Protein backbone atom coordinates (compact mmCIF):
# COMPACT_ATOMS: atom_id res chain seq x y z
CA MET A 1 5.90 -23.74 25.29
CA GLN A 2 9.43 -22.64 26.20
CA GLN A 3 10.31 -20.90 22.94
CA LEU A 4 8.74 -20.17 19.54
CA VAL A 5 9.61 -18.00 16.53
CA THR A 6 7.16 -17.34 13.66
CA THR A 7 6.98 -14.84 10.80
CA TYR A 8 5.12 -12.28 12.91
CA TYR A 9 5.95 -12.99 16.55
CA GLY A 10 8.20 -14.89 18.90
CA TYR A 11 8.63 -15.58 22.59
CA LYS A 12 11.01 -17.22 25.04
CA ILE A 13 10.13 -18.18 28.61
CA LEU A 14 13.01 -17.19 30.89
CA SER A 15 11.68 -18.28 34.29
CA LYS A 16 8.49 -19.16 36.11
CA ASP A 17 7.45 -15.49 36.12
CA SER A 18 9.23 -13.83 33.17
CA PHE A 19 9.53 -14.11 29.39
CA GLU A 20 10.57 -12.21 26.29
CA PHE A 21 8.13 -11.40 23.50
CA TYR A 22 8.33 -9.87 20.03
CA HIS A 23 5.70 -8.99 17.42
CA VAL A 24 5.94 -7.05 14.16
CA LEU A 25 3.25 -4.67 15.48
CA LEU A 26 5.06 -3.79 18.70
CA LYS A 27 5.92 -0.34 17.33
CA LYS A 28 2.20 0.33 16.96
CA VAL A 29 1.36 -0.07 20.66
CA THR A 30 2.60 1.41 23.92
CA LEU A 31 3.87 -0.44 26.99
CA LYS A 32 0.98 1.11 28.94
CA GLU A 33 -1.48 -0.42 26.47
CA ILE A 34 -0.01 -3.86 27.09
CA LEU A 35 -0.12 -3.44 30.87
CA LEU A 36 -3.78 -2.39 30.72
CA ASN A 37 -4.97 -5.04 28.27
CA ILE A 38 -2.98 -8.16 29.07
CA LYS A 39 -4.23 -9.91 32.19
CA GLY A 40 -1.55 -11.09 34.61
CA VAL A 41 1.23 -8.81 33.36
CA ILE A 42 3.05 -7.18 36.28
CA GLU A 43 5.89 -5.33 34.58
CA VAL A 44 6.97 -4.56 30.99
CA SER A 45 10.26 -3.17 29.68
CA LYS A 46 11.67 -2.86 26.18
CA LYS A 47 15.14 -4.08 25.23
CA THR A 48 17.39 -2.26 22.76
CA ASP A 49 16.47 -4.70 19.96
CA GLY A 50 12.75 -3.93 20.41
CA THR A 51 11.91 -7.17 22.23
CA LEU A 52 9.75 -6.91 25.34
CA ARG A 53 10.84 -8.33 28.68
CA ILE A 54 7.71 -9.13 30.65
CA LYS A 55 7.12 -10.18 34.22
CA ALA A 56 3.83 -12.06 34.68
CA GLN A 57 2.06 -14.27 37.18
CA ASP A 58 1.64 -16.98 34.52
CA PRO A 59 3.92 -16.52 31.46
CA ALA A 60 2.10 -19.13 29.35
CA ALA A 61 -1.29 -17.47 29.91
CA ALA A 62 0.16 -14.00 29.33
CA ILE A 63 1.72 -15.14 26.04
CA ASN A 64 -1.63 -16.51 24.83
CA ASN A 65 -3.31 -13.23 25.79
CA LEU A 66 -0.64 -11.26 23.94
CA ILE A 67 -1.08 -13.37 20.80
CA ARG A 68 -4.87 -12.80 20.86
CA PHE A 69 -4.34 -9.07 21.53
CA PHE A 70 -2.11 -8.71 18.46
CA GLU A 71 -4.40 -10.85 16.31
CA ASN A 72 -7.10 -8.24 16.91
CA LYS A 73 -4.61 -5.49 16.07
CA GLU A 74 -3.66 -7.25 12.85
CA GLN A 75 -7.17 -6.87 11.44
CA HIS A 76 -6.96 -3.13 12.00
CA PHE A 77 -3.53 -2.73 10.41
CA LEU A 78 -4.17 -4.94 7.38
CA GLU A 79 -6.41 -2.26 5.85
CA THR A 80 -4.56 0.82 4.63
CA PRO A 81 -6.25 4.24 4.92
CA ASP A 82 -7.81 5.53 1.70
CA GLN A 83 -5.59 8.01 -0.14
CA LYS A 84 -8.23 10.03 -1.92
CA PHE A 85 -8.28 11.62 -5.35
CA VAL A 86 -9.52 15.21 -5.22
CA PHE A 87 -11.38 15.85 -8.42
CA ASP A 88 -14.36 17.73 -9.79
CA GLU A 89 -16.81 16.29 -12.32
CA TYR A 90 -14.72 17.48 -15.28
CA SER A 91 -11.44 15.86 -14.20
CA TYR A 92 -13.29 12.73 -13.04
CA HIS A 93 -14.65 12.17 -16.55
CA ILE A 94 -11.28 13.05 -18.11
CA LEU A 95 -9.62 10.24 -16.12
CA LYS A 96 -12.33 7.81 -17.19
CA GLU A 97 -12.02 8.77 -20.87
CA TRP A 98 -8.22 8.56 -20.76
CA ALA A 99 -8.18 5.43 -18.59
CA ILE A 100 -5.56 3.44 -20.52
CA ALA A 101 -3.20 6.39 -20.97
CA TYR A 102 -3.67 7.48 -17.35
CA GLN A 103 -2.99 3.99 -15.92
CA THR A 104 -0.02 3.47 -18.23
CA CYS A 105 1.51 6.75 -17.09
CA ILE A 106 0.93 5.86 -13.43
CA ALA A 107 2.65 2.48 -13.97
CA LEU A 108 5.62 4.15 -15.70
CA ILE A 109 5.95 6.73 -12.92
CA LEU A 110 5.75 4.13 -10.14
CA THR A 111 8.28 1.76 -11.70
CA GLY A 112 10.58 4.67 -12.43
CA ASP A 113 10.38 6.25 -8.98
CA PRO A 114 13.78 5.74 -7.26
CA THR A 115 12.38 6.79 -3.87
CA LEU A 116 9.90 3.92 -3.66
CA LEU A 117 11.33 1.18 -1.43
CA PRO A 118 11.80 -1.57 -2.21
CA SER A 119 12.54 -0.76 -5.86
CA TYR A 120 9.70 -2.27 -7.78
CA ASN A 121 10.24 -4.77 -10.53
CA GLN A 122 10.05 -3.31 -14.03
CA GLU A 123 7.63 -6.11 -14.87
CA TRP A 124 4.20 -4.52 -15.13
CA SER A 125 1.03 -4.65 -17.19
CA LEU A 126 -2.46 -3.22 -17.29
CA LEU A 127 -5.28 -5.56 -16.31
CA ASP A 128 -7.50 -6.53 -19.21
CA SER A 129 -10.78 -6.03 -17.39
CA LYS A 130 -13.79 -3.71 -17.48
CA ALA A 131 -12.74 -2.32 -14.11
CA GLY A 132 -9.17 -1.63 -15.24
CA GLY A 133 -6.17 -1.85 -12.92
CA ILE A 134 -2.41 -2.32 -12.91
CA TYR A 135 -0.19 -5.28 -12.07
CA ILE A 136 3.29 -4.28 -10.87
CA LYS A 137 5.01 -7.41 -9.65
CA PRO A 138 3.93 -8.56 -7.09
CA PHE A 139 1.08 -6.07 -6.55
CA THR A 140 -2.36 -5.88 -8.17
CA ILE A 141 -3.75 -2.34 -8.02
CA MET A 142 -7.40 -1.41 -8.61
CA PHE A 143 -8.91 2.05 -9.08
CA PHE A 144 -12.10 2.82 -7.21
CA ASN A 145 -14.33 5.90 -7.30
CA ASN A 146 -11.96 8.10 -5.28
CA CYS A 147 -8.78 6.13 -4.57
CA ALA A 148 -6.47 3.32 -5.68
CA LYS A 149 -5.98 0.20 -3.56
CA VAL A 150 -3.50 -2.66 -3.64
CA ILE A 151 -5.86 -5.64 -3.47
CA HIS A 152 -3.27 -8.44 -3.70
CA PRO A 153 -1.18 -9.58 -1.93
CA VAL A 154 -2.38 -8.17 1.38
CA SER A 155 -0.43 -8.94 4.55
CA LEU A 156 1.05 -7.27 7.61
CA ALA A 157 4.50 -7.67 6.11
CA ASN A 158 3.68 -5.53 3.06
CA TYR A 159 1.47 -2.96 4.81
CA ASN A 160 4.01 -0.14 4.45
CA SER A 161 4.69 -0.97 0.80
CA ARG A 162 0.99 -1.01 -0.01
CA LYS A 163 0.39 2.24 1.85
CA GLN A 164 3.32 3.90 0.08
CA ILE A 165 2.12 2.81 -3.37
CA GLU A 166 -1.40 4.10 -2.68
CA GLU A 167 -0.05 7.40 -1.36
CA ARG A 168 2.10 7.90 -4.46
CA ILE A 169 -0.75 7.11 -6.84
CA ALA A 170 -2.95 9.66 -5.05
CA LYS A 171 -0.16 12.24 -5.18
CA TYR A 172 0.52 11.76 -8.90
CA THR A 173 -3.17 11.57 -9.77
CA ASN A 174 -4.00 14.76 -7.89
CA ASN A 175 -1.10 16.52 -9.61
CA MET A 176 -2.48 15.36 -12.97
CA ILE A 177 -5.94 16.60 -12.01
CA ASN A 178 -4.58 20.05 -11.17
CA ILE A 179 -2.88 20.15 -14.57
CA PHE A 180 -6.06 19.03 -16.38
CA LYS A 181 -8.03 21.85 -14.81
CA LYS A 182 -5.75 24.38 -16.49
CA GLN A 183 -5.81 22.72 -19.91
CA LYS A 184 -8.23 22.64 -22.80
CA ARG A 185 -9.71 19.23 -23.52
CA THR A 186 -7.60 18.96 -26.69
CA GLN A 187 -4.41 19.35 -24.60
CA ILE A 188 -5.08 16.56 -22.08
CA GLY A 189 -3.05 13.88 -23.83
CA GLU A 190 -0.08 16.15 -24.36
CA SER A 191 -0.09 17.37 -20.75
CA LEU A 192 -0.38 13.79 -19.42
CA ILE A 193 2.64 12.71 -21.45
CA ALA A 194 4.62 15.82 -20.48
CA TYR A 195 3.98 15.17 -16.76
CA THR A 196 5.08 11.54 -17.11
CA GLN A 197 8.17 12.56 -19.08
CA ALA A 198 9.18 15.06 -16.38
CA LEU A 199 9.00 12.40 -13.65
CA THR A 200 10.48 9.45 -15.51
CA GLY A 201 12.95 11.03 -17.94
CA LEU A 202 11.50 8.84 -20.69
CA ASN A 203 11.41 10.18 -24.23
CA LYS A 204 7.99 11.48 -25.27
CA ASN A 205 7.87 9.11 -28.25
CA ILE A 206 8.66 6.13 -26.01
CA ILE A 207 5.76 7.03 -23.69
CA VAL A 208 3.38 7.38 -26.64
CA LYS A 209 4.54 4.04 -28.04
CA ILE A 210 3.98 2.27 -24.70
CA ILE A 211 0.49 3.77 -24.39
CA ASN A 212 -0.35 2.69 -27.94
CA ASN A 213 0.95 -0.82 -27.28
CA GLN A 214 -1.21 -1.08 -24.17
CA SER A 215 -4.24 0.16 -26.12
CA GLU A 216 -3.73 -2.48 -28.81
CA LYS A 217 -3.38 -5.33 -26.28
CA LEU A 218 -6.44 -4.45 -24.18
CA ASN A 219 -10.14 -4.06 -24.68
CA GLY A 220 -9.69 -1.33 -22.11
CA PRO A 221 -11.70 -0.54 -18.97
CA SER A 222 -15.30 0.49 -19.37
CA ILE A 223 -15.99 4.20 -18.91
CA LYS A 224 -19.04 3.17 -16.86
CA VAL A 225 -17.04 0.89 -14.54
CA PHE A 226 -13.57 2.46 -14.23
CA LEU A 227 -13.28 4.68 -11.12
CA SER A 228 -16.72 3.54 -9.97
């Protein structure tokens, strides 16, 4: 047990009472938290590269305690906070009725957003299911009653990417909702396309064509199930 490096953590025993330790979640905890929760730790300091230098009565035992401590933390940080849609009954039903167009526009906006990091692959498609959803390689996104969630893949390594995607979907959806509230029902489609055009720079006719293509390929989500 002198040295080990994995995807999420690593350690190196330096002497009979000291070792170095790293974990991807180190930025989420304080040195005080480690001192209070890890039995046998005497002193903790952080190196410039983010690695911890730890003095302990029994390095091997302290390392095992640290691994268990961060395993518990992992469960907490795997789940992203809900980024909620703020809608009234009218806009809620509008989104359900315009499910294919709405999801297509969200996919176009996400894949065309230069500020999303990493830049997402242009490969995307709507899910052909009653519940709806979007696949943007490598993420599968589902829409629940008041938020969107990346349901696959889910790992610590992609936590920030998943959180960012969900935040953006909530932002764009809430902007759409605010626009819908000011429009007549007959203007919803036009306003949805105009909003997408403004964010993506795509020609209006191209957006309409993509929406129509998606509609032809899918049975489409059920109004009863989508956003439920």
